[in-house]
Each structure stands twice: as C-alpha cells, then as structure tokens.
N, C-alpha and C. Protein backbone atom coordinates (compact mmCIF):
# COMPACT_ATOMS: atom_id res chain seq x y z
N MET A 1 -41.76 -1.96 74.53
CA MET A 1 -40.15 -1.74 73.16
C MET A 1 -40.69 -0.94 73.06
N GLY A 2 -39.43 -0.21 72.58
CA GLY A 2 -39.55 1.68 71.63
C GLY A 2 -39.52 1.79 70.25
N ASP A 3 -39.47 2.83 70.08
CA ASP A 3 -39.65 2.92 68.78
C ASP A 3 -38.50 2.91 67.83
N LEU A 4 -38.02 2.18 67.06
CA LEU A 4 -37.29 2.63 66.22
C LEU A 4 -36.99 3.11 64.91
N VAL A 5 -36.08 4.07 64.96
CA VAL A 5 -35.71 5.05 63.79
C VAL A 5 -34.90 4.39 63.31
N VAL A 6 -34.76 3.83 61.16
CA VAL A 6 -33.93 3.86 61.02
C VAL A 6 -33.59 4.55 59.42
N LYS A 7 -32.44 5.47 59.85
CA LYS A 7 -31.69 6.27 58.58
C LYS A 7 -31.23 5.84 57.74
N GLU A 8 -31.26 6.62 56.66
CA GLU A 8 -30.08 5.68 55.44
C GLU A 8 -28.79 6.45 55.74
N PRO A 9 -27.41 5.59 55.90
CA PRO A 9 -26.30 5.90 55.62
C PRO A 9 -25.51 7.45 55.05
N THR A 10 -24.87 7.81 55.28
CA THR A 10 -24.84 9.50 54.71
C THR A 10 -23.60 9.10 53.86
N THR A 11 -22.53 8.01 54.87
CA THR A 11 -21.76 7.30 53.63
C THR A 11 -21.60 6.00 53.96
N GLN A 12 -20.67 5.45 52.65
CA GLN A 12 -20.75 3.59 52.77
C GLN A 12 -19.69 3.66 53.67
N PRO A 13 -19.99 2.06 54.20
CA PRO A 13 -19.67 1.46 55.14
C PRO A 13 -17.86 1.37 54.97
N ALA A 14 -17.52 1.21 53.96
CA ALA A 14 -15.88 0.95 53.69
C ALA A 14 -15.09 2.34 54.56
N ASN A 15 -16.18 3.53 53.91
CA ASN A 15 -15.37 4.44 53.80
C ASN A 15 -15.11 5.27 55.45
N ALA A 16 -16.38 4.87 56.27
CA ALA A 16 -16.30 5.50 57.66
C ALA A 16 -15.63 4.68 58.13
N PRO A 17 -15.24 5.54 59.34
CA PRO A 17 -13.92 5.12 60.20
C PRO A 17 -14.64 3.52 60.68
N LEU A 18 -13.20 2.85 62.01
CA LEU A 18 -13.72 1.35 62.40
C LEU A 18 -14.33 1.55 63.03
N LEU A 19 -14.61 2.73 64.01
CA LEU A 19 -15.10 2.71 65.06
C LEU A 19 -16.67 2.88 64.65
N VAL A 20 -16.62 3.52 63.49
CA VAL A 20 -18.61 3.62 63.61
C VAL A 20 -19.04 2.69 62.81
N ARG A 21 -18.55 1.75 62.15
CA ARG A 21 -19.21 0.34 61.22
C ARG A 21 -20.39 -0.12 62.49
N ARG A 22 -21.02 -0.14 61.99
CA ARG A 22 -22.68 -0.76 62.39
C ARG A 22 -21.92 -2.11 62.30
N VAL A 23 -22.63 -3.02 63.90
CA VAL A 23 -22.60 -4.81 63.78
C VAL A 23 -23.40 -4.97 63.21
N GLU A 24 -23.65 -6.16 62.87
CA GLU A 24 -24.31 -7.00 62.84
C GLU A 24 -25.08 -7.96 64.00
N LEU A 25 -26.75 -7.76 64.25
CA LEU A 25 -26.89 -8.00 65.05
C LEU A 25 -27.65 -9.43 64.52
N GLU A 26 -27.27 -10.76 65.48
CA GLU A 26 -27.57 -12.84 65.52
C GLU A 26 -29.13 -12.59 65.64
N VAL A 27 -30.12 -12.77 65.18
CA VAL A 27 -31.33 -12.92 65.61
C VAL A 27 -32.37 -14.06 65.44
N ALA A 28 -32.63 -14.49 67.03
CA ALA A 28 -32.94 -16.11 66.25
C ALA A 28 -33.89 -16.18 65.63
N PRO A 29 -34.90 -16.55 64.31
CA PRO A 29 -35.34 -16.60 63.28
C PRO A 29 -37.21 -17.00 64.69
N PRO A 30 -38.24 -16.81 64.55
CA PRO A 30 -39.12 -17.21 65.16
C PRO A 30 -39.37 -19.10 65.04
N GLU A 31 -39.83 -19.91 65.91
CA GLU A 31 -39.81 -20.68 65.91
C GLU A 31 -40.75 -21.63 64.34
N THR A 32 -41.59 -20.62 63.69
CA THR A 32 -42.58 -20.87 62.60
C THR A 32 -41.54 -20.63 61.42
N ALA A 33 -41.07 -20.14 61.39
CA ALA A 33 -40.10 -19.62 59.91
C ALA A 33 -39.13 -20.42 59.61
N THR A 34 -38.85 -21.39 57.99
CA THR A 34 -38.10 -22.17 57.87
C THR A 34 -36.91 -21.40 57.73
N VAL A 35 -36.03 -22.25 57.51
CA VAL A 35 -34.31 -21.56 56.54
C VAL A 35 -34.57 -20.54 55.66
N SER A 36 -35.32 -21.07 54.52
CA SER A 36 -35.61 -19.62 53.45
C SER A 36 -36.75 -18.70 53.87
N GLY A 37 -36.80 -18.64 54.74
CA GLY A 37 -37.70 -17.16 55.79
C GLY A 37 -39.33 -17.37 55.55
N ILE A 38 -39.88 -18.02 54.87
CA ILE A 38 -40.94 -18.50 54.33
C ILE A 38 -41.70 -19.20 55.73
N GLU A 39 -43.10 -18.89 56.75
CA GLU A 39 -43.56 -19.03 57.29
C GLU A 39 -44.54 -20.32 57.21
N VAL A 40 -44.52 -20.58 58.16
CA VAL A 40 -45.60 -22.32 57.49
C VAL A 40 -46.60 -22.91 58.42
N HIS A 41 -47.70 -22.26 59.01
CA HIS A 41 -48.29 -22.59 59.62
C HIS A 41 -50.09 -23.82 59.20
N GLU A 42 -50.35 -24.24 59.93
CA GLU A 42 -51.12 -25.26 59.98
C GLU A 42 -52.37 -25.09 60.56
N GLU A 43 -53.17 -25.41 59.73
CA GLU A 43 -54.96 -25.11 60.25
C GLU A 43 -55.69 -26.10 59.18
N LYS A 44 -57.24 -26.74 60.12
CA LYS A 44 -57.92 -27.56 59.55
C LYS A 44 -58.52 -27.00 58.51
N TRP A 45 -59.22 -27.56 57.54
CA TRP A 45 -60.03 -27.54 56.34
C TRP A 45 -61.40 -28.55 57.11
N CYS A 46 -61.75 -27.83 55.65
CA CYS A 46 -62.98 -28.82 56.06
C CYS A 46 -63.87 -28.92 54.78
N THR A 47 -64.90 -29.32 54.05
CA THR A 47 -65.96 -29.21 52.95
C THR A 47 -66.91 -28.25 52.68
N VAL A 48 -67.45 -28.13 51.98
CA VAL A 48 -67.64 -27.04 51.48
C VAL A 48 -68.46 -27.52 50.31
N THR A 49 -69.96 -27.55 50.51
CA THR A 49 -70.63 -28.49 49.36
C THR A 49 -71.63 -27.09 48.87
N ALA A 50 -71.25 -26.98 47.02
CA ALA A 50 -72.33 -25.90 46.77
C ALA A 50 -73.33 -26.72 45.63
N GLN A 51 -74.61 -25.44 46.14
CA GLN A 51 -76.16 -25.81 45.32
C GLN A 51 -76.49 -24.79 44.45
N HIS A 52 -76.59 -24.71 43.34
CA HIS A 52 -77.70 -23.76 42.45
C HIS A 52 -78.97 -23.84 42.91
N VAL A 53 -79.45 -22.78 43.02
CA VAL A 53 -81.05 -21.89 43.08
C VAL A 53 -80.90 -21.60 41.96
N TYR A 54 -82.56 -21.88 41.40
CA TYR A 54 -83.06 -21.30 40.74
C TYR A 54 -84.29 -20.63 40.81
N LYS A 55 -84.45 -19.01 40.37
CA LYS A 55 -85.10 -17.87 40.85
C LYS A 55 -86.14 -17.77 39.59
N MET A 56 -87.30 -18.38 39.93
CA MET A 56 -88.58 -18.62 38.99
C MET A 56 -89.52 -17.47 39.33
N ARG A 57 -89.83 -17.09 37.95
CA ARG A 57 -91.05 -15.22 38.08
C ARG A 57 -91.93 -16.17 37.25
N CYS A 58 -92.96 -16.45 37.79
CA CYS A 58 -94.33 -15.98 36.75
C CYS A 58 -94.98 -14.87 36.15
N GLU A 59 -95.79 -14.60 35.06
CA GLU A 59 -95.96 -13.76 34.50
C GLU A 59 -97.07 -12.76 35.05
N CYS A 60 -97.11 -13.46 35.86
CA CYS A 60 -98.35 -12.89 36.96
C CYS A 60 -97.44 -12.34 38.90
N GLY A 61 -96.40 -12.49 38.74
CA GLY A 61 -95.41 -11.20 39.13
C GLY A 61 -95.02 -12.26 40.19
N ARG A 62 -95.38 -13.29 40.67
CA ARG A 62 -94.98 -13.96 42.09
C ARG A 62 -93.36 -14.69 41.16
N SER A 63 -92.89 -14.25 42.44
CA SER A 63 -91.53 -15.22 42.72
C SER A 63 -91.06 -16.56 44.07
N TRP A 64 -90.44 -17.48 43.32
CA TRP A 64 -89.71 -18.39 43.74
C TRP A 64 -88.81 -19.07 43.35
N PHE A 65 -87.93 -19.71 44.59
CA PHE A 65 -86.82 -20.85 44.23
C PHE A 65 -87.47 -21.91 43.98
N GLU A 66 -86.34 -22.91 42.70
CA GLU A 66 -86.39 -24.30 43.43
C GLU A 66 -84.95 -24.57 43.07
N LEU A 67 -84.71 -25.94 43.52
CA LEU A 67 -82.99 -26.25 43.25
C LEU A 67 -83.18 -27.03 42.34
N GLU A 68 -83.38 -27.72 40.97
CA GLU A 68 -83.52 -27.99 39.92
C GLU A 68 -84.23 -27.00 39.31
N LEU A 69 -83.85 -27.58 37.92
CA LEU A 69 -84.17 -26.56 36.73
C LEU A 69 -85.50 -27.48 36.15
N PRO A 70 -86.20 -27.34 36.19
CA PRO A 70 -87.83 -28.15 36.05
C PRO A 70 -87.58 -27.38 34.23
N LYS A 71 -88.61 -28.27 33.36
CA LYS A 71 -88.92 -27.94 31.93
C LYS A 71 -90.33 -27.30 32.36
N PHE A 72 -90.89 -27.50 32.99
CA PHE A 72 -92.23 -26.97 33.59
C PHE A 72 -92.64 -27.02 34.79
N VAL A 73 -93.60 -25.93 35.39
CA VAL A 73 -93.45 -25.81 37.13
C VAL A 73 -94.97 -24.98 36.56
N LYS A 74 -95.87 -25.40 37.82
CA LYS A 74 -97.04 -24.82 38.38
C LYS A 74 -96.66 -23.85 39.04
N CYS A 75 -97.52 -22.02 39.36
CA CYS A 75 -97.02 -21.24 39.75
C CYS A 75 -98.14 -21.61 41.61
N PRO A 76 -97.37 -21.50 42.34
CA PRO A 76 -98.12 -21.44 43.56
C PRO A 76 -98.62 -20.04 44.08
N ALA A 77 -98.55 -19.52 43.14
CA ALA A 77 -99.87 -18.08 43.34
C ALA A 77 -100.89 -18.58 42.31
N CYS A 78 -101.07 -18.26 40.86
CA CYS A 78 -101.44 -18.65 40.32
C CYS A 78 -102.54 -19.76 39.59
N GLN A 79 -101.54 -20.50 39.58
CA GLN A 79 -102.05 -22.51 39.66
C GLN A 79 -102.08 -22.70 38.47
N LYS A 80 -101.10 -21.84 37.46
CA LYS A 80 -101.29 -21.96 35.96
C LYS A 80 -99.56 -23.14 35.60
N LEU A 81 -99.47 -23.79 34.82
CA LEU A 81 -98.47 -24.82 34.24
C LEU A 81 -97.86 -23.58 33.63
N GLY A 82 -96.65 -23.13 33.41
CA GLY A 82 -95.85 -23.25 32.89
C GLY A 82 -94.78 -23.86 32.10
N LEU A 83 -94.49 -22.91 31.60
CA LEU A 83 -93.10 -23.91 30.36
C LEU A 83 -91.79 -22.89 30.96
N VAL A 84 -90.67 -23.53 31.84
CA VAL A 84 -89.74 -22.38 31.79
C VAL A 84 -88.63 -22.21 31.37
N SER A 85 -88.32 -20.75 30.57
CA SER A 85 -87.58 -20.33 29.91
C SER A 85 -86.03 -19.54 30.79
N HIS A 86 -85.03 -19.70 29.91
CA HIS A 86 -83.95 -18.60 31.50
C HIS A 86 -83.05 -18.23 29.83
N PRO A 87 -82.66 -16.78 30.20
CA PRO A 87 -81.77 -16.05 28.63
C PRO A 87 -80.58 -16.92 29.36
N GLY A 88 -79.55 -16.77 27.95
CA GLY A 88 -78.68 -17.13 27.87
C GLY A 88 -78.40 -18.48 27.86
N PRO A 89 -76.90 -19.43 27.67
CA PRO A 89 -76.85 -20.65 27.38
C PRO A 89 -77.01 -21.46 28.11
N GLU A 90 -77.51 -22.33 27.73
CA GLU A 90 -77.62 -24.16 28.43
C GLU A 90 -76.96 -24.16 29.86
N VAL A 91 -77.82 -24.50 31.22
CA VAL A 91 -76.90 -24.58 32.11
C VAL A 91 -75.75 -25.60 31.95
N GLU A 92 -76.30 -26.62 31.15
CA GLU A 92 -75.01 -27.73 30.76
C GLU A 92 -73.87 -27.26 29.89
N GLU A 93 -74.30 -26.24 29.12
CA GLU A 93 -72.96 -25.99 28.52
C GLU A 93 -71.83 -25.13 29.30
N VAL A 94 -73.00 -24.66 30.80
CA VAL A 94 -71.45 -23.54 31.34
C VAL A 94 -71.15 -23.94 32.85
N PHE A 95 -72.18 -24.86 33.17
CA PHE A 95 -71.27 -25.46 34.05
C PHE A 95 -70.95 -27.41 33.89
N GLY A 96 -71.02 -27.36 32.72
CA GLY A 96 -70.94 -29.17 32.67
C GLY A 96 -72.57 -29.99 33.11
N ALA A 97 -72.32 -30.90 32.21
CA ALA A 97 -73.07 -32.30 32.86
C ALA A 97 -72.92 -33.50 33.47
N ARG A 98 -73.73 -33.30 34.63
CA ARG A 98 -73.43 -33.63 35.96
C ARG A 98 -73.71 -35.20 35.67
C-alpha cells in the first residue's frame, strides 16, 4: 500500500470549479467498530489476589519477611524476643479492618 499525503486546501470547496471538488469515498467500517465509532474488543479476565508482606528488621541487623503483622517476634539470627513497632499510622487505619 502506498503512502498517502494529505495537503490543506488552498481554496474553499464552494469556490472551486465543479470538476475539482473532492469526492467523498465510502469506506466500510471494520467489523469491530460500532456505529458510534467506538471499537469493542472482548478479553478473558482472571482473579488476582493481593497480599501484604511485612519486612522485619532486628536491631542485630538481621531482616526477614512476615505475612502477618505480629506484636512480638523472635529474631531468627539472635533468638531475642522483640516488640514489633512500625512508623506511621496503624495498618487498620490505612487499609481498614478485615
């Protein structure tokens, strides 16, 4: 298919001679187009599950991840029991109670 070049008209169609007026071409819309010109495509959807992951860090330097936010946790490296604290608002305030 060749390249098409569209140029701005230098005269108004009403002022042009009858032989020079543009002819409107009838083009069939694609099968996916509606009368309004909006294309509609169907796709399959899936379900995605979100999960919170909490990064724990002991004062000994060891870090690990937990799926639940515990109040107390035992460090896997130094075996000390620690009170879990986190900066910012409570998790329930941000994400709502579950």
